[in-house]
Amino acid sequence: MVPQRDKPESAEEPEEAPGSPMRLYLMRHGIAIDREDPDCPSDPERYLTPKGIQRTRAAARGLRALRVKPAALLTSPFVRAVQTGEIVCEVLGLDPKQLRTTDALKPEAKPARLAEELGRLGGEVICFGHAPHLDEFIAHALKATAPFTALKKSGLACLDIDSLAPLRATLFWLLSSRVLRRLGD
């Protein structure tokens, strides 16, 4: 079991202030319709396949087993990422209306843009996005010269963000969809 940060049990405790250290989860979207499929819509409209929905739901049960309870949920506006976020909300018992789309999670966005967006948040945050953008953000946050991770579909990275200005983070763990699905069994 992955250790969890201690959290206040009392509703009286104030939420962490924006810019405070945070636990950041980065989840790549599930399996989407293949670009080569003749029925494939434009890239922003690509949607999860039935297998993608099933595997994402099973991976989300792994998040539940890890007791992931984000205070903020950000997603790329692309359909497959939004669907992934909605599935995670359903499994974790969160209101999908909490999902907020941001251009900072689009595939072509610069990693620094996501760091700026995160600067307005605190506590636990989960983001739903795309490869290689999420891997580029991880490298940027860890001051690596190039990406060194390769998040698979419905895979998840967990970072502890100590500071957003300047950006300073630690990679806590990286789990494939397969591992998440096993945790959720």
N, C-alpha and C. Protein backbone atom coordinates (compact mmCIF):
# COMPACT_ATOMS: atom_id res chain seq x y z
N MET A 1 0.85 -1.18 0.00
CA MET A 1 0.00 0.00 0.00
C MET A 1 0.89 1.23 0.00
N VAL A 2 0.53 2.21 -0.81
CA VAL A 2 1.27 3.46 -0.88
C VAL A 2 0.87 4.32 0.30
N PRO A 3 1.83 4.88 1.04
CA PRO A 3 1.47 5.71 2.18
C PRO A 3 0.75 6.97 1.74
N GLN A 4 -0.19 7.39 2.55
CA GLN A 4 -0.96 8.60 2.27
C GLN A 4 -0.50 9.71 3.19
N ARG A 5 -0.64 10.94 2.72
CA ARG A 5 -0.36 12.09 3.58
C ARG A 5 -1.42 12.17 4.65
N ASP A 6 -1.01 12.61 5.83
CA ASP A 6 -1.99 12.83 6.89
C ASP A 6 -2.88 13.99 6.49
N LYS A 7 -4.18 13.80 6.71
CA LYS A 7 -5.14 14.86 6.37
C LYS A 7 -5.98 15.15 7.60
N PRO A 8 -6.40 16.39 7.76
CA PRO A 8 -7.28 16.70 8.88
C PRO A 8 -8.59 15.94 8.73
N GLU A 9 -9.08 15.39 9.81
CA GLU A 9 -10.35 14.68 9.81
C GLU A 9 -11.51 15.65 10.01
N SER A 10 -11.25 16.74 10.67
CA SER A 10 -12.31 17.66 11.05
C SER A 10 -12.67 18.58 9.89
N ALA A 11 -13.96 18.79 9.71
CA ALA A 11 -14.42 19.74 8.70
C ALA A 11 -14.08 21.16 9.12
N GLU A 12 -13.70 21.34 10.38
CA GLU A 12 -13.35 22.66 10.90
C GLU A 12 -12.01 23.15 10.34
N GLU A 13 -11.15 22.20 9.94
CA GLU A 13 -9.82 22.56 9.45
C GLU A 13 -9.95 23.31 8.13
N PRO A 14 -9.20 24.37 7.93
CA PRO A 14 -9.28 25.10 6.66
C PRO A 14 -8.62 24.29 5.55
N GLU A 15 -9.11 24.50 4.32
CA GLU A 15 -8.46 23.88 3.17
C GLU A 15 -7.09 24.53 2.99
N GLU A 16 -6.21 23.77 2.32
CA GLU A 16 -4.88 24.33 2.08
C GLU A 16 -5.01 25.52 1.14
N ALA A 17 -4.22 26.51 1.39
CA ALA A 17 -4.26 27.72 0.59
C ALA A 17 -3.67 27.48 -0.78
N PRO A 18 -4.16 28.21 -1.81
CA PRO A 18 -3.56 28.09 -3.12
C PRO A 18 -2.05 28.33 -3.04
N GLY A 19 -1.32 27.55 -3.82
CA GLY A 19 0.14 27.69 -3.83
C GLY A 19 0.82 26.86 -2.76
N SER A 20 0.04 26.26 -1.84
CA SER A 20 0.63 25.40 -0.81
C SER A 20 1.15 24.13 -1.46
N PRO A 21 1.99 23.39 -0.73
CA PRO A 21 2.43 22.11 -1.27
C PRO A 21 1.21 21.26 -1.62
N MET A 22 1.33 20.47 -2.66
CA MET A 22 0.20 19.66 -3.09
C MET A 22 0.62 18.27 -3.49
N ARG A 23 -0.33 17.37 -3.43
CA ARG A 23 -0.18 16.03 -3.99
C ARG A 23 -0.87 16.12 -5.35
N LEU A 24 -0.12 15.85 -6.41
CA LEU A 24 -0.64 15.97 -7.77
C LEU A 24 -0.68 14.60 -8.43
N TYR A 25 -1.84 14.25 -8.95
CA TYR A 25 -2.01 13.01 -9.71
C TYR A 25 -2.21 13.39 -11.17
N LEU A 26 -1.47 12.73 -12.04
CA LEU A 26 -1.60 12.95 -13.48
C LEU A 26 -2.04 11.64 -14.12
N MET A 27 -3.23 11.64 -14.71
CA MET A 27 -3.76 10.42 -15.31
C MET A 27 -3.94 10.61 -16.80
N ARG A 28 -3.37 9.68 -17.55
CA ARG A 28 -3.56 9.70 -19.00
C ARG A 28 -4.94 9.12 -19.31
N HIS A 29 -5.57 9.62 -20.34
CA HIS A 29 -6.89 9.14 -20.74
C HIS A 29 -6.85 7.66 -21.10
N GLY A 30 -8.03 7.04 -21.11
CA GLY A 30 -8.15 5.63 -21.46
C GLY A 30 -8.03 5.40 -22.96
N ILE A 31 -8.20 4.15 -23.35
CA ILE A 31 -8.09 3.75 -24.76
C ILE A 31 -9.20 4.42 -25.56
N ALA A 32 -8.79 5.13 -26.61
CA ALA A 32 -9.74 5.87 -27.45
C ALA A 32 -9.80 5.25 -28.84
N ILE A 33 -10.82 5.64 -29.58
CA ILE A 33 -10.97 5.17 -30.96
C ILE A 33 -9.68 5.46 -31.73
N ASP A 34 -9.27 4.49 -32.51
CA ASP A 34 -8.02 4.59 -33.27
C ASP A 34 -8.11 5.67 -34.34
N ARG A 35 -7.04 6.43 -34.47
CA ARG A 35 -7.00 7.50 -35.49
C ARG A 35 -7.21 6.95 -36.89
N GLU A 36 -6.80 5.69 -37.11
CA GLU A 36 -6.90 5.07 -38.44
C GLU A 36 -8.30 4.54 -38.74
N ASP A 37 -9.17 4.48 -37.75
CA ASP A 37 -10.54 4.00 -37.94
C ASP A 37 -11.25 4.96 -38.89
N PRO A 38 -11.90 4.44 -39.94
CA PRO A 38 -12.59 5.33 -40.88
C PRO A 38 -13.69 6.17 -40.23
N ASP A 39 -14.23 5.70 -39.09
CA ASP A 39 -15.27 6.45 -38.39
C ASP A 39 -14.71 7.39 -37.32
N CYS A 40 -13.38 7.51 -37.27
CA CYS A 40 -12.75 8.34 -36.24
C CYS A 40 -13.07 9.82 -36.48
N PRO A 41 -13.57 10.49 -35.45
CA PRO A 41 -13.82 11.93 -35.57
C PRO A 41 -12.51 12.71 -35.47
N SER A 42 -12.60 14.02 -35.47
CA SER A 42 -11.40 14.86 -35.32
C SER A 42 -10.75 14.56 -33.96
N ASP A 43 -9.46 14.87 -33.83
CA ASP A 43 -8.72 14.51 -32.62
C ASP A 43 -9.39 14.99 -31.34
N PRO A 44 -9.83 16.24 -31.23
CA PRO A 44 -10.47 16.66 -29.98
C PRO A 44 -11.75 15.87 -29.65
N GLU A 45 -12.39 15.29 -30.65
CA GLU A 45 -13.65 14.56 -30.46
C GLU A 45 -13.46 13.05 -30.31
N ARG A 46 -12.23 12.57 -30.38
CA ARG A 46 -12.01 11.12 -30.21
C ARG A 46 -12.50 10.70 -28.84
N TYR A 47 -13.18 9.58 -28.77
CA TYR A 47 -13.84 9.13 -27.55
C TYR A 47 -13.29 7.78 -27.10
N LEU A 48 -13.57 7.41 -25.86
CA LEU A 48 -13.13 6.13 -25.33
C LEU A 48 -13.90 4.99 -25.98
N THR A 49 -13.19 3.90 -26.23
CA THR A 49 -13.82 2.68 -26.74
C THR A 49 -14.47 1.94 -25.57
N PRO A 50 -15.32 0.97 -25.84
CA PRO A 50 -15.87 0.16 -24.73
C PRO A 50 -14.75 -0.45 -23.87
N LYS A 51 -13.69 -0.94 -24.51
CA LYS A 51 -12.56 -1.49 -23.75
C LYS A 51 -11.89 -0.39 -22.93
N GLY A 52 -11.78 0.81 -23.50
CA GLY A 52 -11.19 1.94 -22.79
C GLY A 52 -12.01 2.33 -21.58
N ILE A 53 -13.33 2.30 -21.70
CA ILE A 53 -14.22 2.62 -20.58
C ILE A 53 -14.05 1.58 -19.48
N GLN A 54 -14.05 0.31 -19.87
CA GLN A 54 -13.94 -0.78 -18.89
C GLN A 54 -12.61 -0.72 -18.15
N ARG A 55 -11.51 -0.54 -18.89
CA ARG A 55 -10.19 -0.49 -18.24
C ARG A 55 -10.02 0.76 -17.39
N THR A 56 -10.57 1.86 -17.83
CA THR A 56 -10.49 3.09 -17.04
C THR A 56 -11.27 2.93 -15.75
N ARG A 57 -12.45 2.33 -15.82
CA ARG A 57 -13.26 2.11 -14.62
C ARG A 57 -12.49 1.20 -13.64
N ALA A 58 -11.86 0.15 -14.16
CA ALA A 58 -11.09 -0.77 -13.30
C ALA A 58 -9.88 -0.05 -12.70
N ALA A 59 -9.21 0.80 -13.48
CA ALA A 59 -8.07 1.58 -12.96
C ALA A 59 -8.54 2.55 -11.88
N ALA A 60 -9.72 3.13 -12.08
CA ALA A 60 -10.27 4.06 -11.09
C ALA A 60 -10.56 3.35 -9.77
N ARG A 61 -10.93 2.08 -9.83
CA ARG A 61 -11.12 1.32 -8.59
C ARG A 61 -9.79 1.19 -7.84
N GLY A 62 -8.68 1.14 -8.58
CA GLY A 62 -7.36 1.16 -7.96
C GLY A 62 -7.11 2.48 -7.25
N LEU A 63 -7.55 3.59 -7.84
CA LEU A 63 -7.43 4.90 -7.18
C LEU A 63 -8.23 4.91 -5.89
N ARG A 64 -9.41 4.31 -5.93
CA ARG A 64 -10.24 4.23 -4.72
C ARG A 64 -9.53 3.41 -3.65
N ALA A 65 -8.88 2.31 -4.04
CA ALA A 65 -8.14 1.48 -3.08
C ALA A 65 -6.97 2.26 -2.47
N LEU A 66 -6.40 3.18 -3.23
CA LEU A 66 -5.30 4.02 -2.74
C LEU A 66 -5.81 5.21 -1.93
N ARG A 67 -7.12 5.34 -1.81
CA ARG A 67 -7.78 6.42 -1.08
C ARG A 67 -7.48 7.80 -1.66
N VAL A 68 -7.41 7.87 -2.98
CA VAL A 68 -7.22 9.15 -3.65
C VAL A 68 -8.53 9.92 -3.53
N LYS A 69 -8.46 11.13 -2.97
CA LYS A 69 -9.63 12.00 -2.81
C LYS A 69 -9.25 13.43 -3.18
N PRO A 70 -9.20 13.72 -4.48
CA PRO A 70 -8.77 15.06 -4.88
C PRO A 70 -9.79 16.13 -4.53
N ALA A 71 -9.25 17.30 -4.17
CA ALA A 71 -10.08 18.47 -3.90
C ALA A 71 -10.38 19.22 -5.19
N ALA A 72 -9.50 19.06 -6.19
CA ALA A 72 -9.67 19.74 -7.48
C ALA A 72 -9.41 18.73 -8.59
N LEU A 73 -10.20 18.85 -9.66
CA LEU A 73 -10.10 17.95 -10.80
C LEU A 73 -10.02 18.78 -12.07
N LEU A 74 -8.92 18.65 -12.79
CA LEU A 74 -8.73 19.37 -14.03
C LEU A 74 -8.63 18.39 -15.18
N THR A 75 -9.18 18.76 -16.34
CA THR A 75 -9.12 17.89 -17.50
C THR A 75 -8.87 18.68 -18.77
N SER A 76 -8.23 18.01 -19.70
CA SER A 76 -8.15 18.53 -21.06
C SER A 76 -9.58 18.63 -21.58
N PRO A 77 -9.86 19.57 -22.47
CA PRO A 77 -11.21 19.64 -23.02
C PRO A 77 -11.51 18.54 -24.05
N PHE A 78 -10.50 17.75 -24.43
CA PHE A 78 -10.70 16.69 -25.42
C PHE A 78 -11.61 15.61 -24.82
N VAL A 79 -12.52 15.10 -25.62
CA VAL A 79 -13.57 14.18 -25.16
C VAL A 79 -13.02 13.00 -24.38
N ARG A 80 -11.97 12.36 -24.86
CA ARG A 80 -11.45 11.15 -24.19
C ARG A 80 -10.92 11.45 -22.78
N ALA A 81 -10.36 12.63 -22.58
CA ALA A 81 -9.87 13.02 -21.25
C ALA A 81 -11.05 13.34 -20.33
N VAL A 82 -12.04 14.05 -20.85
CA VAL A 82 -13.23 14.37 -20.05
C VAL A 82 -13.93 13.08 -19.63
N GLN A 83 -14.08 12.14 -20.57
CA GLN A 83 -14.72 10.86 -20.23
C GLN A 83 -13.94 10.13 -19.14
N THR A 84 -12.62 10.14 -19.23
CA THR A 84 -11.78 9.50 -18.21
C THR A 84 -12.04 10.15 -16.86
N GLY A 85 -12.08 11.47 -16.82
CA GLY A 85 -12.35 12.19 -15.58
C GLY A 85 -13.73 11.87 -15.02
N GLU A 86 -14.72 11.77 -15.89
CA GLU A 86 -16.08 11.45 -15.44
C GLU A 86 -16.14 10.05 -14.83
N ILE A 87 -15.45 9.10 -15.44
CA ILE A 87 -15.42 7.73 -14.92
C ILE A 87 -14.77 7.73 -13.54
N VAL A 88 -13.65 8.42 -13.39
CA VAL A 88 -12.96 8.48 -12.11
C VAL A 88 -13.88 9.12 -11.05
N CYS A 89 -14.57 10.19 -11.42
CA CYS A 89 -15.51 10.82 -10.48
C CYS A 89 -16.57 9.83 -10.03
N GLU A 90 -17.14 9.10 -10.98
CA GLU A 90 -18.18 8.12 -10.65
C GLU A 90 -17.66 7.08 -9.65
N VAL A 91 -16.49 6.52 -9.93
CA VAL A 91 -15.94 5.46 -9.07
C VAL A 91 -15.53 6.00 -7.70
N LEU A 92 -15.01 7.22 -7.65
CA LEU A 92 -14.58 7.79 -6.38
C LEU A 92 -15.72 8.46 -5.60
N GLY A 93 -16.90 8.49 -6.20
CA GLY A 93 -18.04 9.11 -5.52
C GLY A 93 -17.96 10.62 -5.50
N LEU A 94 -17.36 11.21 -6.54
CA LEU A 94 -17.23 12.66 -6.63
C LEU A 94 -18.23 13.20 -7.65
N ASP A 95 -18.64 14.42 -7.46
CA ASP A 95 -19.56 15.06 -8.39
C ASP A 95 -18.81 15.41 -9.67
N PRO A 96 -19.23 14.86 -10.83
CA PRO A 96 -18.53 15.18 -12.08
C PRO A 96 -18.58 16.66 -12.45
N LYS A 97 -19.48 17.42 -11.80
CA LYS A 97 -19.54 18.86 -12.05
C LYS A 97 -18.30 19.56 -11.49
N GLN A 98 -17.54 18.85 -10.64
CA GLN A 98 -16.28 19.41 -10.11
C GLN A 98 -15.19 19.42 -11.16
N LEU A 99 -15.33 18.60 -12.22
CA LEU A 99 -14.33 18.55 -13.29
C LEU A 99 -14.29 19.90 -14.00
N ARG A 100 -13.08 20.44 -14.10
CA ARG A 100 -12.92 21.74 -14.77
C ARG A 100 -11.98 21.56 -15.95
N THR A 101 -12.44 21.93 -17.14
CA THR A 101 -11.58 21.83 -18.33
C THR A 101 -10.60 23.00 -18.35
N THR A 102 -9.42 22.70 -18.88
CA THR A 102 -8.39 23.74 -19.02
C THR A 102 -7.55 23.46 -20.25
N ASP A 103 -7.26 24.52 -20.99
CA ASP A 103 -6.39 24.40 -22.16
C ASP A 103 -4.97 24.03 -21.76
N ALA A 104 -4.62 24.21 -20.49
CA ALA A 104 -3.28 23.86 -20.00
C ALA A 104 -3.03 22.36 -20.06
N LEU A 105 -4.08 21.55 -20.28
CA LEU A 105 -3.92 20.10 -20.41
C LEU A 105 -4.11 19.60 -21.83
N LYS A 106 -4.23 20.52 -22.79
CA LYS A 106 -4.30 20.10 -24.19
C LYS A 106 -2.95 19.50 -24.58
N PRO A 107 -2.94 18.60 -25.56
CA PRO A 107 -1.69 17.93 -25.95
C PRO A 107 -0.55 18.88 -26.34
N GLU A 108 -0.87 20.01 -26.91
CA GLU A 108 0.17 20.93 -27.39
C GLU A 108 0.57 21.99 -26.36
N ALA A 109 -0.04 22.00 -25.20
CA ALA A 109 0.25 23.03 -24.19
C ALA A 109 1.66 22.87 -23.61
N LYS A 110 2.25 23.97 -23.27
CA LYS A 110 3.57 23.96 -22.63
C LYS A 110 3.42 23.56 -21.17
N PRO A 111 4.35 22.76 -20.64
CA PRO A 111 4.28 22.33 -19.24
C PRO A 111 4.18 23.49 -18.25
N ALA A 112 4.84 24.59 -18.53
CA ALA A 112 4.81 25.74 -17.63
C ALA A 112 3.38 26.29 -17.48
N ARG A 113 2.58 26.12 -18.50
CA ARG A 113 1.20 26.61 -18.44
C ARG A 113 0.39 25.83 -17.39
N LEU A 114 0.63 24.52 -17.30
CA LEU A 114 -0.05 23.71 -16.29
C LEU A 114 0.42 24.12 -14.90
N ALA A 115 1.71 24.39 -14.75
CA ALA A 115 2.23 24.83 -13.45
C ALA A 115 1.54 26.13 -13.02
N GLU A 116 1.32 27.05 -13.96
CA GLU A 116 0.61 28.30 -13.65
C GLU A 116 -0.81 28.01 -13.18
N GLU A 117 -1.49 27.11 -13.87
CA GLU A 117 -2.87 26.74 -13.51
C GLU A 117 -2.91 26.13 -12.11
N LEU A 118 -1.95 25.26 -11.81
CA LEU A 118 -1.89 24.61 -10.50
C LEU A 118 -1.60 25.61 -9.39
N GLY A 119 -0.96 26.72 -9.72
CA GLY A 119 -0.62 27.75 -8.74
C GLY A 119 -1.83 28.35 -8.04
N ARG A 120 -3.01 28.17 -8.63
CA ARG A 120 -4.24 28.69 -8.03
C ARG A 120 -4.92 27.66 -7.13
N LEU A 121 -4.31 26.49 -6.99
CA LEU A 121 -4.92 25.39 -6.25
C LEU A 121 -4.05 24.96 -5.09
N GLY A 122 -4.55 24.06 -4.29
CA GLY A 122 -3.78 23.48 -3.19
C GLY A 122 -4.37 22.13 -2.83
N GLY A 123 -3.72 21.40 -1.95
CA GLY A 123 -4.21 20.10 -1.52
C GLY A 123 -3.96 19.03 -2.56
N GLU A 124 -4.91 18.11 -2.68
CA GLU A 124 -4.80 17.04 -3.68
C GLU A 124 -5.50 17.48 -4.96
N VAL A 125 -4.80 17.28 -6.09
CA VAL A 125 -5.32 17.67 -7.39
C VAL A 125 -5.10 16.49 -8.33
N ILE A 126 -6.08 16.21 -9.18
CA ILE A 126 -5.90 15.21 -10.23
C ILE A 126 -6.15 15.87 -11.57
N CYS A 127 -5.29 15.54 -12.53
CA CYS A 127 -5.39 16.08 -13.89
C CYS A 127 -5.54 14.92 -14.87
N PHE A 128 -6.40 15.10 -15.86
CA PHE A 128 -6.62 14.10 -16.89
C PHE A 128 -6.16 14.68 -18.22
N GLY A 129 -5.20 14.00 -18.84
CA GLY A 129 -4.63 14.55 -20.07
C GLY A 129 -4.07 13.50 -20.99
N HIS A 130 -3.02 13.89 -21.70
CA HIS A 130 -2.52 13.14 -22.85
C HIS A 130 -1.01 12.92 -22.77
N ALA A 131 -0.56 11.91 -23.53
CA ALA A 131 0.87 11.73 -23.75
C ALA A 131 1.20 12.43 -25.07
N PRO A 132 2.36 12.98 -25.21
CA PRO A 132 3.45 13.03 -24.24
C PRO A 132 3.39 14.22 -23.29
N HIS A 133 2.31 15.01 -23.36
CA HIS A 133 2.23 16.23 -22.56
C HIS A 133 2.43 15.97 -21.06
N LEU A 134 1.76 14.95 -20.52
CA LEU A 134 1.90 14.69 -19.08
C LEU A 134 3.33 14.27 -18.74
N ASP A 135 3.96 13.49 -19.61
CA ASP A 135 5.36 13.09 -19.38
C ASP A 135 6.29 14.30 -19.47
N GLU A 136 5.98 15.23 -20.36
CA GLU A 136 6.78 16.46 -20.46
C GLU A 136 6.62 17.30 -19.20
N PHE A 137 5.41 17.33 -18.64
CA PHE A 137 5.21 18.08 -17.40
C PHE A 137 6.01 17.44 -16.26
N ILE A 138 5.98 16.12 -16.16
CA ILE A 138 6.74 15.43 -15.12
C ILE A 138 8.22 15.79 -15.23
N ALA A 139 8.77 15.73 -16.43
CA ALA A 139 10.18 16.08 -16.64
C ALA A 139 10.44 17.53 -16.24
N HIS A 140 9.55 18.42 -16.64
CA HIS A 140 9.68 19.84 -16.32
C HIS A 140 9.66 20.06 -14.80
N ALA A 141 8.74 19.38 -14.13
CA ALA A 141 8.59 19.54 -12.67
C ALA A 141 9.79 19.00 -11.91
N LEU A 142 10.45 18.00 -12.48
CA LEU A 142 11.59 17.37 -11.81
C LEU A 142 12.93 17.90 -12.32
N LYS A 143 12.88 18.91 -13.17
CA LYS A 143 14.09 19.54 -13.72
C LYS A 143 14.92 18.56 -14.56
N ALA A 144 14.25 17.60 -15.18
CA ALA A 144 14.94 16.66 -16.08
C ALA A 144 15.10 17.34 -17.44
N THR A 145 16.13 16.99 -18.16
CA THR A 145 16.38 17.63 -19.45
C THR A 145 15.48 17.09 -20.55
N ALA A 146 14.88 15.91 -20.32
CA ALA A 146 13.97 15.31 -21.29
C ALA A 146 13.03 14.37 -20.55
N PRO A 147 11.87 14.07 -21.16
CA PRO A 147 10.95 13.13 -20.52
C PRO A 147 11.62 11.77 -20.28
N PHE A 148 11.35 11.19 -19.15
CA PHE A 148 11.92 9.88 -18.81
C PHE A 148 10.82 8.90 -18.38
N THR A 149 9.56 9.36 -18.41
CA THR A 149 8.43 8.50 -18.12
C THR A 149 7.64 8.30 -19.41
N ALA A 150 6.78 7.31 -19.43
CA ALA A 150 5.91 7.06 -20.57
C ALA A 150 4.58 6.53 -20.02
N LEU A 151 3.73 7.45 -19.57
CA LEU A 151 2.44 7.04 -19.02
C LEU A 151 1.65 6.28 -20.08
N LYS A 152 1.18 5.11 -19.71
CA LYS A 152 0.33 4.32 -20.58
C LYS A 152 -1.11 4.78 -20.39
N LYS A 153 -1.99 4.36 -21.30
CA LYS A 153 -3.39 4.75 -21.20
C LYS A 153 -3.98 4.30 -19.87
N SER A 154 -4.66 5.18 -19.20
CA SER A 154 -5.23 5.01 -17.85
C SER A 154 -4.16 4.80 -16.79
N GLY A 155 -2.90 5.14 -17.11
CA GLY A 155 -1.82 5.09 -16.13
C GLY A 155 -1.82 6.38 -15.31
N LEU A 156 -1.11 6.33 -14.18
CA LEU A 156 -1.16 7.44 -13.24
C LEU A 156 0.21 7.72 -12.64
N ALA A 157 0.55 8.98 -12.56
CA ALA A 157 1.75 9.42 -11.85
C ALA A 157 1.32 10.23 -10.65
N CYS A 158 2.09 10.13 -9.58
CA CYS A 158 1.82 10.90 -8.37
C CYS A 158 3.07 11.71 -8.04
N LEU A 159 2.90 13.01 -7.95
CA LEU A 159 3.99 13.91 -7.62
C LEU A 159 3.66 14.69 -6.36
N ASP A 160 4.66 14.92 -5.56
CA ASP A 160 4.54 15.86 -4.45
C ASP A 160 5.14 17.17 -4.95
N ILE A 161 4.33 18.19 -5.02
CA ILE A 161 4.78 19.51 -5.46
C ILE A 161 5.11 20.31 -4.20
N ASP A 162 6.38 20.60 -4.02
CA ASP A 162 6.82 21.38 -2.87
C ASP A 162 6.67 22.88 -3.10
N SER A 163 6.85 23.27 -4.37
CA SER A 163 6.77 24.68 -4.71
C SER A 163 6.37 24.80 -6.17
N LEU A 164 5.53 25.78 -6.48
CA LEU A 164 5.16 26.03 -7.87
C LEU A 164 5.91 27.22 -8.45
N ALA A 165 6.50 28.04 -7.59
CA ALA A 165 7.27 29.19 -8.06
C ALA A 165 8.47 29.38 -7.13
N PRO A 166 9.61 28.85 -7.48
CA PRO A 166 9.89 28.05 -8.67
C PRO A 166 9.34 26.63 -8.51
N LEU A 167 9.08 25.99 -9.64
CA LEU A 167 8.53 24.64 -9.64
C LEU A 167 9.55 23.66 -9.07
N ARG A 168 9.13 22.94 -8.02
CA ARG A 168 10.00 21.96 -7.37
C ARG A 168 9.12 20.79 -6.95
N ALA A 169 9.44 19.59 -7.46
CA ALA A 169 8.58 18.43 -7.20
C ALA A 169 9.40 17.16 -7.03
N THR A 170 8.73 16.15 -6.49
CA THR A 170 9.30 14.82 -6.34
C THR A 170 8.32 13.83 -6.94
N LEU A 171 8.82 12.92 -7.76
CA LEU A 171 7.98 11.85 -8.28
C LEU A 171 7.80 10.83 -7.17
N PHE A 172 6.58 10.68 -6.69
CA PHE A 172 6.28 9.79 -5.57
C PHE A 172 6.10 8.37 -6.06
N TRP A 173 5.29 8.19 -7.12
CA TRP A 173 5.14 6.91 -7.77
C TRP A 173 4.54 7.06 -9.15
N LEU A 174 4.67 5.98 -9.93
CA LEU A 174 4.13 5.90 -11.28
C LEU A 174 3.54 4.51 -11.42
N LEU A 175 2.24 4.43 -11.75
CA LEU A 175 1.57 3.13 -11.84
C LEU A 175 0.91 2.97 -13.21
N SER A 176 1.09 1.79 -13.78
CA SER A 176 0.41 1.48 -15.04
C SER A 176 -1.05 1.18 -14.77
N SER A 177 -1.84 1.19 -15.81
CA SER A 177 -3.25 0.82 -15.69
C SER A 177 -3.38 -0.61 -15.16
N ARG A 178 -2.51 -1.49 -15.59
CA ARG A 178 -2.57 -2.88 -15.13
C ARG A 178 -2.40 -2.97 -13.61
N VAL A 179 -1.44 -2.25 -13.07
CA VAL A 179 -1.22 -2.25 -11.62
C VAL A 179 -2.42 -1.65 -10.90
N LEU A 180 -2.94 -0.54 -11.42
CA LEU A 180 -4.13 0.08 -10.82
C LEU A 180 -5.31 -0.90 -10.83
N ARG A 181 -5.49 -1.60 -11.94
CA ARG A 181 -6.60 -2.55 -12.02
C ARG A 181 -6.43 -3.66 -10.99
N ARG A 182 -5.23 -4.12 -10.78
CA ARG A 182 -4.98 -5.18 -9.78
C ARG A 182 -5.25 -4.66 -8.37
N LEU A 183 -4.86 -3.40 -8.12
CA LEU A 183 -5.12 -2.81 -6.79
C LEU A 183 -6.62 -2.71 -6.53
N GLY A 184 -7.40 -2.50 -7.58
CA GLY A 184 -8.83 -2.34 -7.43
C GLY A 184 -9.61 -3.64 -7.32
N ASP A 185 -8.95 -4.75 -7.59
CA ASP A 185 -9.64 -6.06 -7.50
C ASP A 185 -9.98 -6.43 -6.09
